[in-house]
Amino acid sequence: MTVTPENEATLPLLPTVKLCHVAFHAISEQECISHIFECLERGQGGWVVTVNLDHLRRLRARGDYGCLCRDATLIMADGMPVIWASRIQGTPLPERVAGSDLISSLSVEAARHGRSVYLLGGEPGTAERAADILREGSANLRVAGTFCPPVGFESDLEQMDRIERRLRGAQPDIVYVALGSPKQERLISRLRNRLPKTWWMGVGISFSFLCGDVRRAPQWMQRLGLEWVHRLIQEPRRLANRYLLHGIPFAGSLLAGAALRRIANVRQKAI
């Protein structure tokens, strides 16, 4: 499966790098933000997916998650193993672009442009507190609304209609969806065409990061690709299978595969 941007003919062409048949956009965080706001100015919405190691593993499996993300507009690398693999392969991505960083930097830019954001999901109360923290960082930020749907909302047509009505009424420019993956991607895929001028981004646990309910790893651990260790220490029962049984073996195969592709490319050029 190759994940490609939608509306490719009408959007500015952006460079891509393929890893595991997924086309990552080879742009920096600032270039990503600039692209989003250029599209907003033209009345074009979109969807940013920030792909970490676990997401990439599920994308490669070509199952439901891959089908969900197929229509994403921007595919950004959120994970140092993904960046390392691109470098080993000889097609380096410029930098890691984490959803947990974008939620803040996009909001700063939204305030500068007079655009609005909507915070959907998270643990009860975190969307409101995260919105207050974002407003503290950008006094002019317009928060179009916040909403934490109840558990099981995705199977309740009335609750799904309620979410859609809230979003239609708010008409936000950017929606941050903090429901965890793949629930947030399912919701975005279902609703994004109802608000075609809006940009969407799944942000996982980012509201809790902003509020301080879950501590984010220090910068040195993030640079060394050890953020998963920090998360595992905080939530060992929930994250042990993801990181130890799936993450580490997949990271090894990803880096080894990148090295083999580099060797194959060098040999091909030598012929």
Protein backbone atom coordinates (compact mmCIF):
# COMPACT_ATOMS: atom_id res chain seq x y z
CA MET A 1 0.00 0.00 0.00
CA THR A 2 1.19 3.48 -0.83
CA VAL A 3 -0.31 6.31 1.20
CA THR A 4 -0.58 9.42 -0.97
CA PRO A 5 -2.05 12.88 -0.41
CA GLU A 6 -5.58 13.59 -1.55
CA ASN A 7 -6.34 16.41 -3.98
CA GLU A 8 -2.80 16.02 -5.29
CA ALA A 9 -3.62 17.91 -8.47
CA THR A 10 -4.75 21.04 -6.61
CA LEU A 11 -2.26 21.13 -3.75
CA PRO A 12 1.32 22.35 -4.05
CA LEU A 13 3.60 19.40 -4.75
CA LEU A 14 5.66 18.39 -1.74
CA PRO A 15 8.66 16.05 -1.69
CA THR A 16 8.09 12.57 -0.29
CA VAL A 17 10.21 9.72 1.01
CA LYS A 18 8.94 6.14 0.98
CA LEU A 19 9.42 3.84 3.95
CA CYS A 20 7.56 0.52 4.10
CA HIS A 21 5.55 1.67 1.08
CA VAL A 22 4.31 4.74 2.98
CA ALA A 23 5.02 8.12 1.36
CA PHE A 24 6.16 10.47 4.12
CA HIS A 25 6.26 14.17 3.32
CA ALA A 26 9.87 15.29 3.51
CA ILE A 27 9.19 18.69 5.04
CA SER A 28 9.99 20.37 8.33
CA GLU A 29 7.50 21.27 11.04
CA GLN A 30 7.50 24.90 9.91
CA GLU A 31 6.97 23.88 6.28
CA CYS A 32 4.07 21.67 7.39
CA ILE A 33 2.48 24.60 9.22
CA SER A 34 3.02 26.93 6.26
CA HIS A 35 1.40 24.42 3.91
CA ILE A 36 -1.66 24.08 6.15
CA PHE A 37 -2.21 27.82 6.34
CA GLU A 38 -1.66 28.30 2.62
CA CYS A 39 -4.43 25.75 2.06
CA LEU A 40 -6.68 27.42 4.61
CA GLU A 41 -6.26 30.72 2.78
CA ARG A 42 -7.44 28.99 -0.40
CA GLY A 43 -10.42 27.45 1.37
CA GLN A 44 -8.98 23.94 1.29
CA GLY A 45 -9.16 21.64 4.25
CA GLY A 46 -7.04 18.57 4.91
CA TRP A 47 -5.82 15.97 7.35
CA VAL A 48 -2.42 15.59 9.00
CA VAL A 49 -1.35 12.14 10.18
CA THR A 50 1.77 12.05 12.36
CA VAL A 51 3.14 8.51 12.02
CA ASN A 52 5.17 7.03 14.85
CA LEU A 53 6.69 3.55 14.94
CA ASP A 54 3.48 1.87 16.09
CA HIS A 55 1.44 3.63 13.39
CA LEU A 56 3.96 2.63 10.72
CA ARG A 57 3.80 -1.00 11.86
CA ARG A 58 0.03 -0.97 11.47
CA LEU A 59 0.22 0.85 8.14
CA ARG A 60 2.58 -1.81 6.81
CA ALA A 61 0.12 -4.51 7.87
CA ARG A 62 -2.24 -3.11 5.20
CA GLY A 63 -5.31 -3.54 7.38
CA ASP A 64 -8.03 -1.20 8.58
CA TYR A 65 -5.61 1.49 9.74
CA GLY A 66 -3.95 1.72 6.35
CA CYS A 67 -7.31 2.09 4.64
CA LEU A 68 -8.27 4.85 7.09
CA CYS A 69 -5.10 6.86 6.48
CA ARG A 70 -5.09 6.43 2.71
CA ASP A 71 -6.83 9.78 2.19
CA ALA A 72 -4.62 11.80 4.55
CA THR A 73 -3.28 15.02 3.06
CA LEU A 74 0.02 15.17 4.96
CA ILE A 75 1.94 12.18 6.34
CA MET A 76 4.57 13.36 8.83
CA ALA A 77 7.22 11.30 10.63
CA ASP A 78 6.60 11.31 14.38
CA GLY A 79 9.28 9.03 15.77
CA MET A 80 13.06 8.95 15.75
CA PRO A 81 13.28 5.33 14.45
CA VAL A 82 11.39 6.52 11.36
CA ILE A 83 13.87 9.39 10.91
CA TRP A 84 16.84 7.05 11.45
CA ALA A 85 15.51 4.57 8.91
CA SER A 86 15.13 7.33 6.31
CA ARG A 87 18.75 8.38 6.89
CA ILE A 88 20.11 4.83 6.79
CA GLN A 89 18.17 4.25 3.58
CA GLY A 90 19.87 7.30 2.04
CA THR A 91 16.69 9.38 1.67
CA PRO A 92 16.72 11.45 4.86
CA LEU A 93 13.59 13.11 6.21
CA PRO A 94 14.44 16.61 7.50
CA GLU A 95 13.21 16.19 11.07
CA ARG A 96 10.74 14.57 13.39
CA VAL A 97 7.35 16.31 13.36
CA ALA A 98 5.43 15.22 16.45
CA GLY A 99 1.72 15.77 16.89
CA SER A 100 2.42 16.73 20.49
CA ASP A 101 4.53 19.62 19.21
CA LEU A 102 2.27 20.57 16.30
CA ILE A 103 -0.71 21.15 18.56
CA SER A 104 1.17 24.07 20.14
CA SER A 105 2.95 25.46 17.08
CA LEU A 106 -0.18 25.24 14.91
CA SER A 107 -2.16 27.04 17.60
CA VAL A 108 0.40 29.86 17.75
CA GLU A 109 0.12 30.27 13.98
CA ALA A 110 -3.69 30.05 14.15
CA ALA A 111 -3.72 32.95 16.63
CA ARG A 112 -1.46 34.96 14.34
CA HIS A 113 -3.79 34.40 11.37
CA GLY A 114 -7.04 34.86 13.28
CA ARG A 115 -7.97 31.20 12.77
CA SER A 116 -9.87 28.99 15.22
CA VAL A 117 -9.16 25.60 16.78
CA TYR A 118 -11.45 22.97 18.29
CA LEU A 119 -10.35 20.40 20.88
CA LEU A 120 -12.23 17.11 20.67
CA GLY A 121 -11.69 14.13 22.95
CA GLY A 122 -9.14 13.53 25.66
CA GLU A 123 -9.86 12.51 29.23
CA PRO A 124 -12.80 14.35 30.87
CA GLY A 125 -11.79 17.95 31.53
CA THR A 126 -8.49 17.85 29.65
CA ALA A 127 -9.79 19.52 26.47
CA GLU A 128 -10.94 22.57 28.44
CA ARG A 129 -7.70 22.78 30.43
CA ALA A 130 -5.58 22.24 27.31
CA ALA A 131 -7.52 25.02 25.56
CA ASP A 132 -6.75 27.37 28.47
CA ILE A 133 -3.05 26.49 28.26
CA LEU A 134 -3.00 27.10 24.49
CA ARG A 135 -4.68 30.47 25.05
CA GLU A 136 -2.06 31.35 27.66
CA GLY A 137 0.59 30.78 24.98
CA SER A 138 -1.33 32.82 22.40
CA ALA A 139 -3.67 35.39 23.89
CA ASN A 140 -5.49 35.95 20.58
CA LEU A 141 -6.19 32.28 19.93
CA ARG A 142 -9.82 31.60 19.03
CA VAL A 143 -11.02 28.35 20.58
CA ALA A 144 -14.17 27.44 18.65
CA GLY A 145 -15.12 24.81 21.20
CA THR A 146 -14.19 21.74 23.23
CA PHE A 147 -15.99 18.47 23.70
CA CYS A 148 -15.24 15.16 25.39
CA PRO A 149 -17.60 12.50 24.00
CA PRO A 150 -18.70 9.71 26.37
CA VAL A 151 -17.21 6.24 26.30
CA GLY A 152 -18.71 4.19 23.48
CA PHE A 153 -19.81 7.23 21.48
CA GLU A 154 -18.55 5.68 18.24
CA SER A 155 -21.29 3.01 18.45
CA ASP A 156 -24.03 5.49 19.33
CA LEU A 157 -25.60 7.24 16.33
CA GLU A 158 -27.10 9.93 18.54
CA GLN A 159 -23.71 10.76 20.03
CA MET A 160 -22.07 10.79 16.59
CA ASP A 161 -24.74 13.19 15.36
CA ARG A 162 -24.16 15.33 18.43
CA ILE A 163 -20.45 15.62 17.63
CA GLU A 164 -21.18 16.52 14.02
CA ARG A 165 -23.73 19.16 15.03
CA ARG A 166 -21.26 20.73 17.46
CA LEU A 167 -18.55 20.90 14.82
CA ARG A 168 -20.88 22.23 12.13
CA GLY A 169 -22.05 24.92 14.52
CA ALA A 170 -18.51 25.89 15.50
CA GLN A 171 -17.06 25.83 11.94
CA PRO A 172 -13.46 25.54 13.24
CA ASP A 173 -10.43 25.97 11.00
CA ILE A 174 -8.45 23.25 12.79
CA VAL A 175 -9.72 20.29 14.83
CA TYR A 176 -7.44 18.43 17.23
CA VAL A 177 -8.83 14.94 17.86
CA ALA A 178 -7.48 13.26 21.00
CA LEU A 179 -9.12 9.84 21.03
CA GLY A 180 -6.19 7.50 20.55
CA SER A 181 -5.45 5.52 17.43
CA PRO A 182 -7.26 4.20 15.41
CA LYS A 183 -10.44 5.64 17.00
CA GLN A 184 -9.42 9.21 16.17
CA GLU A 185 -8.62 8.31 12.58
CA ARG A 186 -11.99 6.59 12.20
CA LEU A 187 -13.78 9.69 13.44
CA ILE A 188 -11.77 12.03 11.22
CA SER A 189 -12.34 9.84 8.18
CA ARG A 190 -16.06 9.86 8.90
CA LEU A 191 -16.48 13.60 9.52
CA ARG A 192 -13.87 15.46 7.50
CA ASN A 193 -15.91 15.64 4.30
CA ARG A 194 -18.72 17.30 6.29
CA LEU A 195 -16.38 20.25 6.95
CA PRO A 196 -14.31 20.40 3.74
CA LYS A 197 -12.55 23.67 4.64
CA THR A 198 -11.31 22.38 8.01
CA TRP A 199 -7.94 20.81 8.83
CA TRP A 200 -7.90 17.78 11.13
CA MET A 201 -5.15 16.18 13.19
CA GLY A 202 -5.21 13.20 15.53
CA VAL A 203 -3.17 14.09 18.59
CA GLY A 204 -3.49 11.02 20.83
CA ILE A 205 -2.58 11.83 24.41
CA SER A 206 -1.45 15.40 23.69
CA PHE A 207 -4.15 17.10 25.78
CA SER A 208 -2.87 15.23 28.82
CA PHE A 209 0.70 16.24 27.93
CA LEU A 210 -0.33 19.89 27.77
CA CYS A 211 -2.17 19.67 31.09
CA GLY A 212 0.71 17.85 32.80
CA ASP A 213 -1.46 14.85 33.70
CA VAL A 214 1.01 12.70 31.75
CA ARG A 215 4.62 13.83 31.74
CA ARG A 216 6.35 14.01 28.39
CA ALA A 217 9.92 12.75 28.10
CA PRO A 218 12.69 15.36 28.38
CA GLN A 219 14.19 16.63 25.14
CA TRP A 220 17.36 14.55 25.43
CA MET A 221 15.30 11.35 25.62
CA GLN A 222 13.22 12.45 22.64
CA ARG A 223 16.37 13.14 20.60
CA LEU A 224 17.76 9.70 21.45
CA GLY A 225 14.52 7.97 20.51
CA LEU A 226 13.86 6.96 24.12
CA GLU A 227 10.51 8.65 24.63
CA TRP A 228 8.91 5.20 24.63
CA VAL A 229 10.95 4.25 27.72
CA HIS A 230 9.61 7.28 29.57
CA ARG A 231 6.03 6.39 28.59
CA LEU A 232 6.52 2.73 29.49
CA ILE A 233 7.71 3.62 32.99
CA GLN A 234 4.56 5.73 33.52
CA GLU A 235 2.08 3.22 32.04
CA PRO A 236 3.72 -0.23 32.05
CA ARG A 237 0.56 -2.34 31.98
CA ARG A 238 -1.03 -0.47 29.09
CA LEU A 239 2.08 -0.03 26.96
CA ALA A 240 4.23 -3.13 27.60
CA ASN A 241 2.81 -5.16 24.70
CA ARG A 242 2.98 -2.23 22.27
CA TYR A 243 6.59 -1.36 23.00
CA LEU A 244 8.23 -4.61 24.08
CA LEU A 245 6.42 -7.25 22.04
CA HIS A 246 5.75 -5.22 18.90
CA GLY A 247 7.75 -1.99 18.91
CA ILE A 248 11.30 -3.21 19.50
CA PRO A 249 11.18 -6.10 16.97
CA PHE A 250 9.57 -3.86 14.36
CA ALA A 251 12.17 -1.12 14.92
CA GLY A 252 14.91 -3.68 14.36
CA SER A 253 13.36 -4.92 11.12
CA LEU A 254 12.72 -1.34 9.95
CA LEU A 255 16.35 -0.29 10.43
CA ALA A 256 17.71 -3.53 8.96
CA GLY A 257 15.43 -3.16 5.95
CA ALA A 258 16.60 0.42 5.46
CA ALA A 259 20.24 -0.73 5.53
CA LEU A 260 19.53 -3.43 2.94
CA ARG A 261 17.82 -0.91 0.67
CA ARG A 262 20.83 1.41 0.98
CA ILE A 263 23.19 -1.39 -0.02
CA ALA A 264 20.95 -2.39 -2.92
CA ASN A 265 20.80 1.21 -4.17
CA VAL A 266 24.58 1.58 -3.97
CA ARG A 267 25.08 -1.64 -5.93
CA GLN A 268 22.56 -0.59 -8.54
CA LYS A 269 24.31 2.73 -9.06
CA ALA A 270 27.64 0.94 -9.39
CA ILE A 271 26.40 -1.23 -12.27
